[in-house]
PDB file of all heavy atoms in Angstrom:
ATOM      1  N   ARG A   1      92.948 104.126  73.906  1.00  0.00           N
ATOM      2  CA  ARG A   1      92.966 105.379  74.669  1.00  0.00           C
ATOM      3  C   ARG A   1      91.673 105.553  75.476  1.00  0.00           C
ATOM      4  O   ARG A   1      91.684 106.050  76.608  1.00  0.00           O
ATOM      5  CB  ARG A   1      93.186 106.557  73.725  1.00  0.00           C
ATOM      6  CG  ARG A   1      94.654 106.665  73.275  1.00  0.00           C
ATOM      7  CD  ARG A   1      94.834 107.687  72.177  1.00  0.00           C
ATOM      8  NE  ARG A   1      96.245 107.907  71.871  1.00  0.00           N
ATOM      9  CZ  ARG A   1      97.006 107.067  71.193  1.00  0.00           C
ATOM     10  NH1 ARG A   1      96.479 105.924  70.764  1.00  0.00           N
ATOM     11  NH2 ARG A   1      98.279 107.335  70.958  1.00  0.00           N
ATOM     12  N   LEU A   2      90.541 105.131  74.878  1.00  0.00           N
ATOM     13  CA  LEU A   2      89.272 105.196  75.607  1.00  0.00           C
ATOM     14  C   LEU A   2      89.272 104.242  76.797  1.00  0.00           C
ATOM     15  O   LEU A   2      88.694 104.541  77.856  1.00  0.00           O
ATOM     16  CB  LEU A   2      88.100 104.882  74.665  1.00  0.00           C
ATOM     17  CG  LEU A   2      87.737 105.981  73.664  1.00  0.00           C
ATOM     18  CD1 LEU A   2      86.671 105.474  72.694  1.00  0.00           C
ATOM     19  CD2 LEU A   2      87.224 107.229  74.390  1.00  0.00           C
ATOM     20  N   ASP A   3      89.908 103.064  76.631  1.00  0.00           N
ATOM     21  CA  ASP A   3      90.022 102.126  77.769  1.00  0.00           C
ATOM     22  C   ASP A   3      90.804 102.758  78.910  1.00  0.00           C
ATOM     23  O   ASP A   3      90.447 102.616  80.082  1.00  0.00           O
ATOM     24  CB  ASP A   3      90.728 100.838  77.305  1.00  0.00           C
ATOM     25  CG  ASP A   3      89.784  99.921  76.528  1.00  0.00           C
ATOM     26  OD1 ASP A   3      88.558 100.038  76.748  1.00  0.00           O
ATOM     27  OD2 ASP A   3      90.264  99.100  75.734  1.00  0.00           O
ATOM     28  N   LYS A   4      91.892 103.466  78.544  1.00  0.00           N
ATOM     29  CA  LYS A   4      92.681 104.142  79.575  1.00  0.00           C
ATOM     30  C   LYS A   4      91.873 105.235  80.263  1.00  0.00           C
ATOM     31  O   LYS A   4      91.930 105.404  81.489  1.00  0.00           O
ATOM     32  CB  LYS A   4      93.943 104.742  78.973  1.00  0.00           C
ATOM     33  CG  LYS A   4      94.989 103.696  78.578  1.00  0.00           C
ATOM     34  CD  LYS A   4      96.239 104.376  78.037  1.00  0.00           C
ATOM     35  CE  LYS A   4      97.305 103.342  77.677  1.00  0.00           C
ATOM     36  NZ  LYS A   4      98.545 103.972  77.156  1.00  0.00           N
ATOM     37  N   ILE A   5      91.085 105.995  79.437  1.00  0.00           N
ATOM     38  CA  ILE A   5      90.228 107.043  80.012  1.00  0.00           C
ATOM     39  C   ILE A   5      89.229 106.427  80.976  1.00  0.00           C
ATOM     40  O   ILE A   5      89.003 106.931  82.091  1.00  0.00           O
ATOM     41  CB  ILE A   5      89.506 107.826  78.901  1.00  0.00           C
ATOM     42  CG1 ILE A   5      90.521 108.669  78.109  1.00  0.00           C
ATOM     43  CG2 ILE A   5      88.413 108.712  79.487  1.00  0.00           C
ATOM     44  CD1 ILE A   5      89.917 109.332  76.876  1.00  0.00           C
ATOM     45  N   ASN A   6      88.654 105.313  80.575  1.00  0.00           N
ATOM     46  CA  ASN A   6      87.643 104.645  81.392  1.00  0.00           C
ATOM     47  C   ASN A   6      88.261 104.125  82.691  1.00  0.00           C
ATOM     48  O   ASN A   6      87.702 104.291  83.785  1.00  0.00           O
ATOM     49  CB  ASN A   6      87.030 103.490  80.595  1.00  0.00           C
ATOM     50  CG  ASN A   6      85.716 103.010  81.225  1.00  0.00           C
ATOM     51  OD1 ASN A   6      84.923 103.815  81.706  1.00  0.00           O
ATOM     52  ND2 ASN A   6      85.498 101.705  81.219  1.00  0.00           N
ATOM     53  N   ARG A   7      89.446 103.506  82.573  1.00  0.00           N
ATOM     54  CA  ARG A   7      90.120 102.936  83.742  1.00  0.00           C
ATOM     55  C   ARG A   7      90.565 104.039  84.710  1.00  0.00           C
ATOM     56  O   ARG A   7      90.357 103.960  85.925  1.00  0.00           O
ATOM     57  CB  ARG A   7      91.318 102.104  83.298  1.00  0.00           C
ATOM     58  CG  ARG A   7      91.968 101.338  84.449  1.00  0.00           C
ATOM     59  CD  ARG A   7      93.012 100.351  83.969  1.00  0.00           C
ATOM     60  NE  ARG A   7      94.121 101.010  83.276  1.00  0.00           N
ATOM     61  CZ  ARG A   7      94.310 100.995  81.956  1.00  0.00           C
ATOM     62  NH1 ARG A   7      93.441 100.372  81.168  1.00  0.00           N
ATOM     63  NH2 ARG A   7      95.352 101.617  81.422  1.00  0.00           N
ATOM     64  N   HIS A   8      91.169 105.067  84.176  1.00  0.00           N
ATOM     65  CA  HIS A   8      91.622 106.155  85.033  1.00  0.00           C
ATOM     66  C   HIS A   8      90.455 106.922  85.648  1.00  0.00           C
ATOM     67  O   HIS A   8      90.577 107.468  86.758  1.00  0.00           O
ATOM     68  CB  HIS A   8      92.523 107.110  84.250  1.00  0.00           C
ATOM     69  CG  HIS A   8      93.870 106.507  83.913  1.00  0.00           C
ATOM     70  ND1 HIS A   8      94.644 105.856  84.832  1.00  0.00           N
ATOM     71  CD2 HIS A   8      94.558 106.462  82.732  1.00  0.00           C
ATOM     72  CE1 HIS A   8      95.759 105.431  84.258  1.00  0.00           C
ATOM     73  NE2 HIS A   8      95.725 105.783  82.960  1.00  0.00           N
ATOM     74  N   SER A   9      89.344 106.959  84.942  1.00  0.00           N
ATOM     75  CA  SER A   9      88.142 107.592  85.506  1.00  0.00           C
ATOM     76  C   SER A   9      87.664 106.819  86.730  1.00  0.00           C
ATOM     77  O   SER A   9      87.245 107.409  87.731  1.00  0.00           O
ATOM     78  CB  SER A   9      87.029 107.656  84.455  1.00  0.00           C
ATOM     79  OG  SER A   9      87.398 108.491  83.388  1.00  0.00           O
ATOM     80  N   ASP A  10      87.716 105.465  86.626  1.00  0.00           N
ATOM     81  CA  ASP A  10      87.333 104.638  87.786  1.00  0.00           C
ATOM     82  C   ASP A  10      88.264 104.894  88.968  1.00  0.00           C
ATOM     83  O   ASP A  10      87.819 105.000  90.117  1.00  0.00           O
ATOM     84  CB  ASP A  10      87.380 103.152  87.405  1.00  0.00           C
ATOM     85  CG  ASP A  10      86.239 102.766  86.468  1.00  0.00           C
ATOM     86  OD1 ASP A  10      85.227 103.499  86.457  1.00  0.00           O
ATOM     87  OD2 ASP A  10      86.368 101.754  85.775  1.00  0.00           O
ATOM     88  N   GLU A  11      89.590 104.984  88.684  1.00  0.00           N
ATOM     89  CA  GLU A  11      90.557 105.246  89.756  1.00  0.00           C
ATOM     90  C   GLU A  11      90.316 106.610  90.393  1.00  0.00           C
ATOM     91  O   GLU A  11      90.354 106.759  91.618  1.00  0.00           O
ATOM     92  CB  GLU A  11      91.984 105.169  89.213  1.00  0.00           C
ATOM     93  CG  GLU A  11      92.402 103.763  88.777  1.00  0.00           C
ATOM     94  CD  GLU A  11      93.771 103.770  88.122  1.00  0.00           C
ATOM     95  OE1 GLU A  11      94.332 104.876  87.934  1.00  0.00           O
ATOM     96  OE2 GLU A  11      94.280 102.679  87.788  1.00  0.00           O
ATOM     97  N   LEU A  12      90.052 107.603  89.547  1.00  0.00           N
ATOM     98  CA  LEU A  12      89.805 108.941  90.054  1.00  0.00           C
ATOM     99  C   LEU A  12      88.503 109.005  90.836  1.00  0.00           C
ATOM    100  O   LEU A  12      88.410 109.684  91.862  1.00  0.00           O
ATOM    101  CB  LEU A  12      89.785 109.938  88.885  1.00  0.00           C
ATOM    102  CG  LEU A  12      89.840 111.432  89.254  1.00  0.00           C
ATOM    103  CD1 LEU A  12      91.031 111.731  90.139  1.00  0.00           C
ATOM    104  CD2 LEU A  12      89.886 112.284  87.993  1.00  0.00           C
ATOM    105  N   THR A  13      87.500 108.257  90.383  1.00  0.00           N
ATOM    106  CA  THR A  13      86.226 108.204  91.109  1.00  0.00           C
ATOM    107  C   THR A  13      86.415 107.572  92.480  1.00  0.00           C
ATOM    108  O   THR A  13      85.861 108.044  93.487  1.00  0.00           O
ATOM    109  CB  THR A  13      85.192 107.405  90.301  1.00  0.00           C
ATOM    110  OG1 THR A  13      84.976 108.045  89.038  1.00  0.00           O
ATOM    111  CG2 THR A  13      83.870 107.318  91.045  1.00  0.00           C
ATOM    112  N   SER A  14      87.221 106.493  92.519  1.00  0.00           N
ATOM    113  CA  SER A  14      87.507 105.839  93.802  1.00  0.00           C
ATOM    114  C   SER A  14      88.223 106.802  94.744  1.00  0.00           C
ATOM    115  O   SER A  14      87.908 106.877  95.942  1.00  0.00           O
ATOM    116  CB  SER A  14      88.368 104.596  93.573  1.00  0.00           C
ATOM    117  OG  SER A  14      88.712 104.002  94.799  1.00  0.00           O
ATOM    118  N   LEU A  15      89.190 107.577  94.193  1.00  0.00           N
ATOM    119  CA  LEU A  15      89.904 108.562  95.005  1.00  0.00           C
ATOM    120  C   LEU A  15      88.952 109.616  95.553  1.00  0.00           C
ATOM    121  O   LEU A  15      89.001 109.965  96.742  1.00  0.00           O
ATOM    122  CB  LEU A  15      90.998 109.216  94.158  1.00  0.00           C
ATOM    123  CG  LEU A  15      91.715 110.426  94.770  1.00  0.00           C
ATOM    124  CD1 LEU A  15      92.429 110.029  96.048  1.00  0.00           C
ATOM    125  CD2 LEU A  15      92.693 111.017  93.764  1.00  0.00           C
ATOM    126  N   VAL A  16      88.069 110.115  94.686  1.00  0.00           N
ATOM    127  CA  VAL A  16      87.113 111.133  95.107  1.00  0.00           C
ATOM    128  C   VAL A  16      86.187 110.585  96.179  1.00  0.00           C
ATOM    129  O   VAL A  16      85.878 111.259  97.168  1.00  0.00           O
ATOM    130  CB  VAL A  16      86.308 111.647  93.892  1.00  0.00           C
ATOM    131  CG1 VAL A  16      85.134 112.511  94.359  1.00  0.00           C
ATOM    132  CG2 VAL A  16      87.205 112.436  92.956  1.00  0.00           C
ATOM    133  N   ASN A  17      85.757 109.343  96.021  1.00  0.00           N
ATOM    134  CA  ASN A  17      84.859 108.727  97.008  1.00  0.00           C
ATOM    135  C   ASN A  17      85.551 108.583  98.369  1.00  0.00           C
ATOM    136  O   ASN A  17      84.948 108.833  99.425  1.00  0.00           O
ATOM    137  CB  ASN A  17      84.380 107.361  96.515  1.00  0.00           C
ATOM    138  CG  ASN A  17      83.361 107.493  95.379  1.00  0.00           C
ATOM    139  OD1 ASN A  17      82.683 108.511  95.244  1.00  0.00           O
ATOM    140  ND2 ASN A  17      83.250 106.461  94.553  1.00  0.00           N
ATOM    141  N   ASP A  18      86.840 108.173  98.312  1.00  0.00           N
ATOM    142  CA  ASP A  18      87.586 108.056  99.573  1.00  0.00           C
ATOM    143  C   ASP A  18      87.719 109.417 100.255  1.00  0.00           C
ATOM    144  O   ASP A  18      87.579 109.532 101.482  1.00  0.00           O
ATOM    145  CB  ASP A  18      88.978 107.471  99.305  1.00  0.00           C
ATOM    146  CG  ASP A  18      88.936 105.967  99.054  1.00  0.00           C
ATOM    147  OD1 ASP A  18      87.894 105.357  99.346  1.00  0.00           O
ATOM    148  OD2 ASP A  18      89.939 105.416  98.557  1.00  0.00           O
ATOM    149  N   LEU A  19      88.038 110.443  99.484  1.00  0.00           N
ATOM    150  CA  LEU A  19      88.157 111.791 100.041  1.00  0.00           C
ATOM    151  C   LEU A  19      86.833 112.240 100.655  1.00  0.00           C
ATOM    152  O   LEU A  19      86.809 112.836 101.740  1.00  0.00           O
ATOM    153  CB  LEU A  19      88.599 112.770  98.959  1.00  0.00           C
ATOM    154  CG  LEU A  19      90.072 112.723  98.550  1.00  0.00           C
ATOM    155  CD1 LEU A  19      90.304 113.600  97.327  1.00  0.00           C
ATOM    156  CD2 LEU A  19      90.954 113.188  99.708  1.00  0.00           C
ATOM    157  N   LEU A  20      85.751 111.974  99.950  1.00  0.00           N
ATOM    158  CA  LEU A  20      84.437 112.344 100.478  1.00  0.00           C
ATOM    159  C   LEU A  20      84.125 111.605 101.771  1.00  0.00           C
ATOM    160  O   LEU A  20      83.607 112.187 102.729  1.00  0.00           O
ATOM    161  CB  LEU A  20      83.354 112.050  99.429  1.00  0.00           C
ATOM    162  CG  LEU A  20      83.161 113.108  98.342  1.00  0.00           C
ATOM    163  CD1 LEU A  20      82.202 112.595  97.270  1.00  0.00           C
ATOM    164  CD2 LEU A  20      82.620 114.404  98.946  1.00  0.00           C
ATOM    165  N   ASP A  21      84.462 110.305 101.811  1.00  0.00           N
ATOM    166  CA  ASP A  21      84.189 109.515 103.014  1.00  0.00           C
ATOM    167  C   ASP A  21      85.000 110.038 104.202  1.00  0.00           C
ATOM    168  O   ASP A  21      84.485 110.142 105.327  1.00  0.00           O
ATOM    169  CB  ASP A  21      84.529 108.042 102.759  1.00  0.00           C
ATOM    170  CG  ASP A  21      83.519 107.379 101.836  1.00  0.00           C
ATOM    171  OD1 ASP A  21      82.379 107.885 101.747  1.00  0.00           O
ATOM    172  OD2 ASP A  21      83.870 106.375 101.200  1.00  0.00           O
ATOM    173  N   ILE A  22      86.284 110.337 103.946  1.00  0.00           N
ATOM    174  CA  ILE A  22      87.136 110.855 105.035  1.00  0.00           C
ATOM    175  C   ILE A  22      86.592 112.173 105.561  1.00  0.00           C
ATOM    176  O   ILE A  22      86.486 112.396 106.770  1.00  0.00           O
ATOM    177  CB  ILE A  22      88.590 111.022 104.543  1.00  0.00           C
ATOM    178  CG1 ILE A  22      89.227 109.648 104.310  1.00  0.00           C
ATOM    179  CG2 ILE A  22      89.416 111.813 105.553  1.00  0.00           C
ATOM    180  CD1 ILE A  22      90.599 109.709 103.652  1.00  0.00           C
ATOM    181  N   SER A  23      86.232 113.074 104.654  1.00  0.00           N
ATOM    182  CA  SER A  23      85.724 114.382 105.079  1.00  0.00           C
ATOM    183  C   SER A  23      84.391 114.249 105.799  1.00  0.00           C
ATOM    184  O   SER A  23      84.121 114.975 106.756  1.00  0.00           O
ATOM    185  CB  SER A  23      85.596 115.316 103.867  1.00  0.00           C
ATOM    186  OG  SER A  23      84.651 114.818 102.945  1.00  0.00           O
ATOM    187  N   ARG A  24      83.554 113.316 105.355  1.00  0.00           N
ATOM    188  CA  ARG A  24      82.261 113.111 106.022  1.00  0.00           C
ATOM    189  C   ARG A  24      82.450 112.574 107.436  1.00  0.00           C
ATOM    190  O   ARG A  24      81.778 113.008 108.381  1.00  0.00           O
ATOM    191  CB  ARG A  24      81.404 112.145 105.206  1.00  0.00           C
ATOM    192  CG  ARG A  24      80.819 112.761 103.939  1.00  0.00           C
ATOM    193  CD  ARG A  24      80.188 111.695 103.076  1.00  0.00           C
ATOM    194  NE  ARG A  24      79.621 112.248 101.846  1.00  0.00           N
ATOM    195  CZ  ARG A  24      79.215 111.513 100.812  1.00  0.00           C
ATOM    196  NH1 ARG A  24      79.319 110.185 100.880  1.00  0.00           N
ATOM    197  NH2 ARG A  24      78.712 112.088  99.741  1.00  0.00           N
ATOM    198  N   ILE A  25      83.376 111.597 107.575  1.00  0.00           N
ATOM    199  CA  ILE A  25      83.620 111.030 108.908  1.00  0.00           C
ATOM    200  C   ILE A  25      84.204 112.084 109.826  1.00  0.00           C
ATOM    201  O   ILE A  25      83.828 112.207 111.003  1.00  0.00           O
ATOM    202  CB  ILE A  25      84.556 109.804 108.809  1.00  0.00           C
ATOM    203  CG1 ILE A  25      83.848 108.670 108.058  1.00  0.00           C
ATOM    204  CG2 ILE A  25      84.974 109.339 110.199  1.00  0.00           C
ATOM    205  CD1 ILE A  25      84.741 107.477 107.757  1.00  0.00           C
ATOM    206  N   GLU A  26      85.160 112.890 109.312  1.00  0.00           N
ATOM    207  CA  GLU A  26      85.778 113.950 110.124  1.00  0.00           C
ATOM    208  C   GLU A  26      84.747 114.959 110.594  1.00  0.00           C
ATOM    209  O   GLU A  26      84.804 115.451 111.725  1.00  0.00           O
ATOM    210  CB  GLU A  26      86.862 114.671 109.315  1.00  0.00           C
ATOM    211  CG  GLU A  26      88.161 113.886 109.203  1.00  0.00           C
ATOM    212  CD  GLU A  26      89.216 114.676 108.445  1.00  0.00           C
ATOM    213  OE1 GLU A  26      88.841 115.641 107.740  1.00  0.00           O
ATOM    214  OE2 GLU A  26      90.402 114.330 108.546  1.00  0.00           O
ATOM    215  N   SER A  27      83.812 115.305 109.722  1.00  0.00           N
ATOM    216  CA  SER A  27      82.811 116.316 110.063  1.00  0.00           C
ATOM    217  C   SER A  27      81.639 115.743 110.847  1.00  0.00           C
ATOM    218  O   SER A  27      80.759 116.474 111.289  1.00  0.00           O
ATOM    219  CB  SER A  27      82.296 116.996 108.788  1.00  0.00           C
ATOM    220  OG  SER A  27      81.651 116.047 107.948  1.00  0.00           O
ATOM    221  N   GLY A  28      81.617 114.418 111.023  1.00  0.00           N
ATOM    222  CA  GLY A  28      80.545 113.781 111.776  1.00  0.00           C
ATOM    223  C   GLY A  28      79.270 113.602 110.980  1.00  0.00           C
ATOM    224  O   GLY A  28      78.216 113.321 111.550  1.00  0.00           O
ATOM    225  N   LYS A  29      79.377 113.766 109.663  1.00  0.00           N
ATOM    226  CA  LYS A  29      78.174 113.644 108.830  1.00  0.00           C
ATOM    227  C   LYS A  29      77.823 112.189 108.540  1.00  0.00           C
ATOM    228  O   LYS A  29      76.714 111.897 108.098  1.00  0.00           O
ATOM    229  CB  LYS A  29      78.373 114.399 107.517  1.00  0.00           C
ATOM    230  CG  LYS A  29      78.474 115.913 107.704  1.00  0.00           C
ATOM    231  CD  LYS A  29      78.702 116.617 106.375  1.00  0.00           C
ATOM    232  CE  LYS A  29      78.806 118.123 106.578  1.00  0.00           C
ATOM    233  NZ  LYS A  29      79.070 118.845 105.309  1.00  0.00           N
ATOM    234  N   VAL A  30      78.778 111.280 108.750  1.00  0.00           N
ATOM    235  CA  VAL A  30      78.523 109.859 108.534  1.00  0.00           C
ATOM    236  C   VAL A  30      78.128 109.238 109.867  1.00  0.00           C
ATOM    237  O   VAL A  30      78.893 109.276 110.829  1.00  0.00           O
ATOM    238  CB  VAL A  30      79.763 109.149 107.966  1.00  0.00           C
ATOM    239  CG1 VAL A  30      79.511 107.649 107.872  1.00  0.00           C
ATOM    240  CG2 VAL A  30      80.105 109.710 106.595  1.00  0.00           C
ATOM    241  N   THR A  31      76.948 108.679 109.942  1.00  0.00           N
ATOM    242  CA  THR A  31      76.472 108.024 111.158  1.00  0.00           C
ATOM    243  C   THR A  31      76.701 106.526 111.040  1.00  0.00           C
ATOM    244  O   THR A  31      76.260 105.895 110.067  1.00  0.00           O
ATOM    245  CB  THR A  31      74.969 108.291 111.374  1.00  0.00           C
ATOM    246  OG1 THR A  31      74.749 109.710 111.423  1.00  0.00           O
ATOM    247  CG2 THR A  31      74.487 107.655 112.661  1.00  0.00           C
ATOM    248  N   MET A  32      77.447 105.986 112.015  1.00  0.00           N
ATOM    249  CA  MET A  32      77.709 104.555 112.018  1.00  0.00           C
ATOM    250  C   MET A  32      76.456 103.805 112.466  1.00  0.00           C
ATOM    251  O   MET A  32      75.919 104.073 113.538  1.00  0.00           O
ATOM    252  CB  MET A  32      78.890 104.232 112.956  1.00  0.00           C
ATOM    253  CG  MET A  32      80.203 104.858 112.516  1.00  0.00           C
ATOM    254  SD  MET A  32      80.769 104.196 110.929  1.00  0.00           S
ATOM    255  CE  MET A  32      82.052 105.388 110.511  1.00  0.00           C
ATOM    256  N   LYS A  33      76.016 102.899 111.628  1.00  0.00           N
ATOM    257  CA  LYS A  33      74.807 102.120 111.926  1.00  0.00           C
ATOM    258  C   LYS A  33      75.220 100.832 112.633  1.00  0.00           C
ATOM    259  O   LYS A  33      75.411  99.784 112.004  1.00  0.00           O
ATOM    260  CB  LYS A  33      74.037 101.814 110.644  1.00  0.00           C
ATOM    261  CG  LYS A  33      73.583 103.079 109.910  1.00  0.00           C
ATOM    262  CD  LYS A  33      72.910 102.734 108.596  1.00  0.00           C
ATOM    263  CE  LYS A  33      72.489 104.006 107.854  1.00  0.00           C
ATOM    264  NZ  LYS A  33      71.871 103.716 106.531  1.00  0.00           N
ATOM    265  N   HIS A  34      75.373 100.930 113.952  1.00  0.00           N
ATOM    266  CA  HIS A  34      75.853  99.791 114.714  1.00  0.00           C
ATOM    267  C   HIS A  34      74.805  98.682 114.795  1.00  0.00           C
ATOM    268  O   HIS A  34      73.615  98.955 115.010  1.00  0.00           O
ATOM    269  CB  HIS A  34      76.238 100.223 116.140  1.00  0.00           C
ATOM    270  CG  HIS A  34      77.427 101.120 116.187  1.00  0.00           C
ATOM    271  ND1 HIS A  34      77.340 102.478 116.015  1.00  0.00           N
ATOM    272  CD2 HIS A  34      78.739 100.846 116.373  1.00  0.00           C
ATOM    273  CE1 HIS A  34      78.547 103.012 116.107  1.00  0.00           C
ATOM    274  NE2 HIS A  34      79.410 102.045 116.320  1.00  0.00           N
ATOM    275  N   GLN A  35      75.301  97.458 114.619  1.00  0.00           N
ATOM    276  CA  GLN A  35      74.440  96.292 114.788  1.00  0.00           C
ATOM    277  C   GLN A  35      75.316  95.092 115.146  1.00  0.00           C
ATOM    278  O   GLN A  35      76.526  95.110 114.920  1.00  0.00           O
ATOM    279  CB  GLN A  35      73.648  96.006 113.499  1.00  0.00           C
ATOM    280  CG  GLN A  35      74.523  95.767 112.283  1.00  0.00           C
ATOM    281  CD  GLN A  35      73.698  95.550 111.023  1.00  0.00           C
ATOM    282  OE1 GLN A  35      72.481  95.461 111.073  1.00  0.00           O
ATOM    283  NE2 GLN A  35      74.366  95.460 109.889  1.00  0.00           N
ATOM    284  N   ALA A  36      74.689  94.073 115.715  1.00  0.00           N
ATOM    285  CA  ALA A  36      75.444  92.874 116.076  1.00  0.00           C
ATOM    286  C   ALA A  36      75.910  92.172 114.805  1.00  0.00           C
ATOM    287  O   ALA A  36      75.170  92.050 113.824  1.00  0.00           O
ATOM    288  CB  ALA A  36      74.571  91.941 116.912  1.00  0.00           C
ATOM    289  N   GLY A  37      77.136  91.767 114.814  1.00  0.00           N
ATOM    290  CA  GLY A  37      77.681  91.071 113.644  1.00  0.00           C
ATOM    291  C   GLY A  37      78.655  90.001 114.066  1.00  0.00           C
ATOM    292  O   GLY A  37      79.194  90.018 115.176  1.00  0.00           O
ATOM    293  N   ASP A  38      78.874  89.055 113.137  1.00  0.00           N
ATOM    294  CA  ASP A  38      79.816  87.966 113.385  1.00  0.00           C
ATOM    295  C   ASP A  38      81.112  88.272 112.649  1.00  0.00           C
ATOM    296  O   ASP A  38      81.134  88.356 111.419  1.00  0.00           O
ATOM    297  CB  ASP A  38      79.233  86.637 112.901  1.00  0.00           C
ATOM    298  CG  ASP A  38      80.088  85.458 113.327  1.00  0.00           C
ATOM    299  OD1 ASP A  38      81.226  85.342 112.838  1.00  0.00           O
ATOM    300  OD2 ASP A  38      79.622  84.656 114.153  1.00  0.00           O
ATOM    301  N   LEU A  39      82.175  88.460 113.418  1.00  0.00           N
ATOM    302  CA  LEU A  39      83.463  88.849 112.846  1.00  0.00           C
ATOM    303  C   LEU A  39      83.965  87.804 111.855  1.00  0.00           C
ATOM    304  O   LEU A  39      84.523  88.159 110.808  1.00  0.00           O
ATOM    305  CB  LEU A  39      84.477  89.051 113.985  1.00  0.00           C
ATOM    306  CG  LEU A  39      85.806  89.684 113.610  1.00  0.00           C
ATOM    307  CD1 LEU A  39      85.608  91.065 113.016  1.00  0.00           C
ATOM    308  CD2 LEU A  39      86.720  89.761 114.828  1.00  0.00           C
ATOM    309  N   LYS A  40      83.743  86.561 112.157  1.00  0.00           N
ATOM    310  CA  LYS A  40      84.228  85.486 111.266  1.00  0.00           C
ATOM    311  C   LYS A  40      83.543  85.573 109.912  1.00  0.00           C
ATOM    312  O   LYS A  40      84.185  85.426 108.859  1.00  0.00           O
ATOM    313  CB  LYS A  40      83.968  84.122 111.914  1.00  0.00           C
ATOM    314  CG  LYS A  40      84.581  82.961 111.138  1.00  0.00           C
ATOM    315  CD  LYS A  40      84.434  81.666 111.918  1.00  0.00           C
ATOM    316  CE  LYS A  40      85.111  80.524 111.168  1.00  0.00           C
ATOM    317  NZ  LYS A  40      85.001  79.238 111.910  1.00  0.00           N
ATOM    318  N   ASN A  41      82.229  85.830 109.905  1.00  0.00           N
ATOM    319  CA  ASN A  41      81.495  85.930 108.635  1.00  0.00           C
ATOM    320  C   ASN A  41      81.980  87.126 107.815  1.00  0.00           C
ATOM    321  O   ASN A  41      82.115  87.047 106.586  1.00  0.00           O
ATOM    322  CB  ASN A  41      79.994  86.061 108.899  1.00  0.00           C
ATOM    323  CG  ASN A  41      79.402  84.778 109.452  1.00  0.00           C
ATOM    324  OD1 ASN A  41      79.968  83.699 109.285  1.00  0.00           O
ATOM    325  ND2 ASN A  41      78.267  84.895 110.127  1.00  0.00           N
ATOM    326  N   ILE A  42      82.252  88.253 108.518  1.00  0.00           N
ATOM    327  CA  ILE A  42      82.742  89.447 107.815  1.00  0.00           C
ATOM    328  C   ILE A  42      84.081  89.148 107.138  1.00  0.00           C
ATOM    329  O   ILE A  42      84.287  89.484 105.964  1.00  0.00           O
ATOM    330  CB  ILE A  42      82.902  90.620 108.808  1.00  0.00           C
ATOM    331  CG1 ILE A  42      81.537  91.040 109.369  1.00  0.00           C
ATOM    332  CG2 ILE A  42      83.580  91.808 108.129  1.00  0.00           C
ATOM    333  CD1 ILE A  42      81.607  92.073 110.483  1.00  0.00           C
TER     334      ILE A  42
END
């Protein structure tokens, strides 16, 4: 039961993080740090 609590806590944390990221991007609070990158390496 503790394993399930731990696993579901991770899932819920991931959900909360996604919600926070979406709201931050919508509100313009997240600044994109643009830099040159290689698409193939990514």
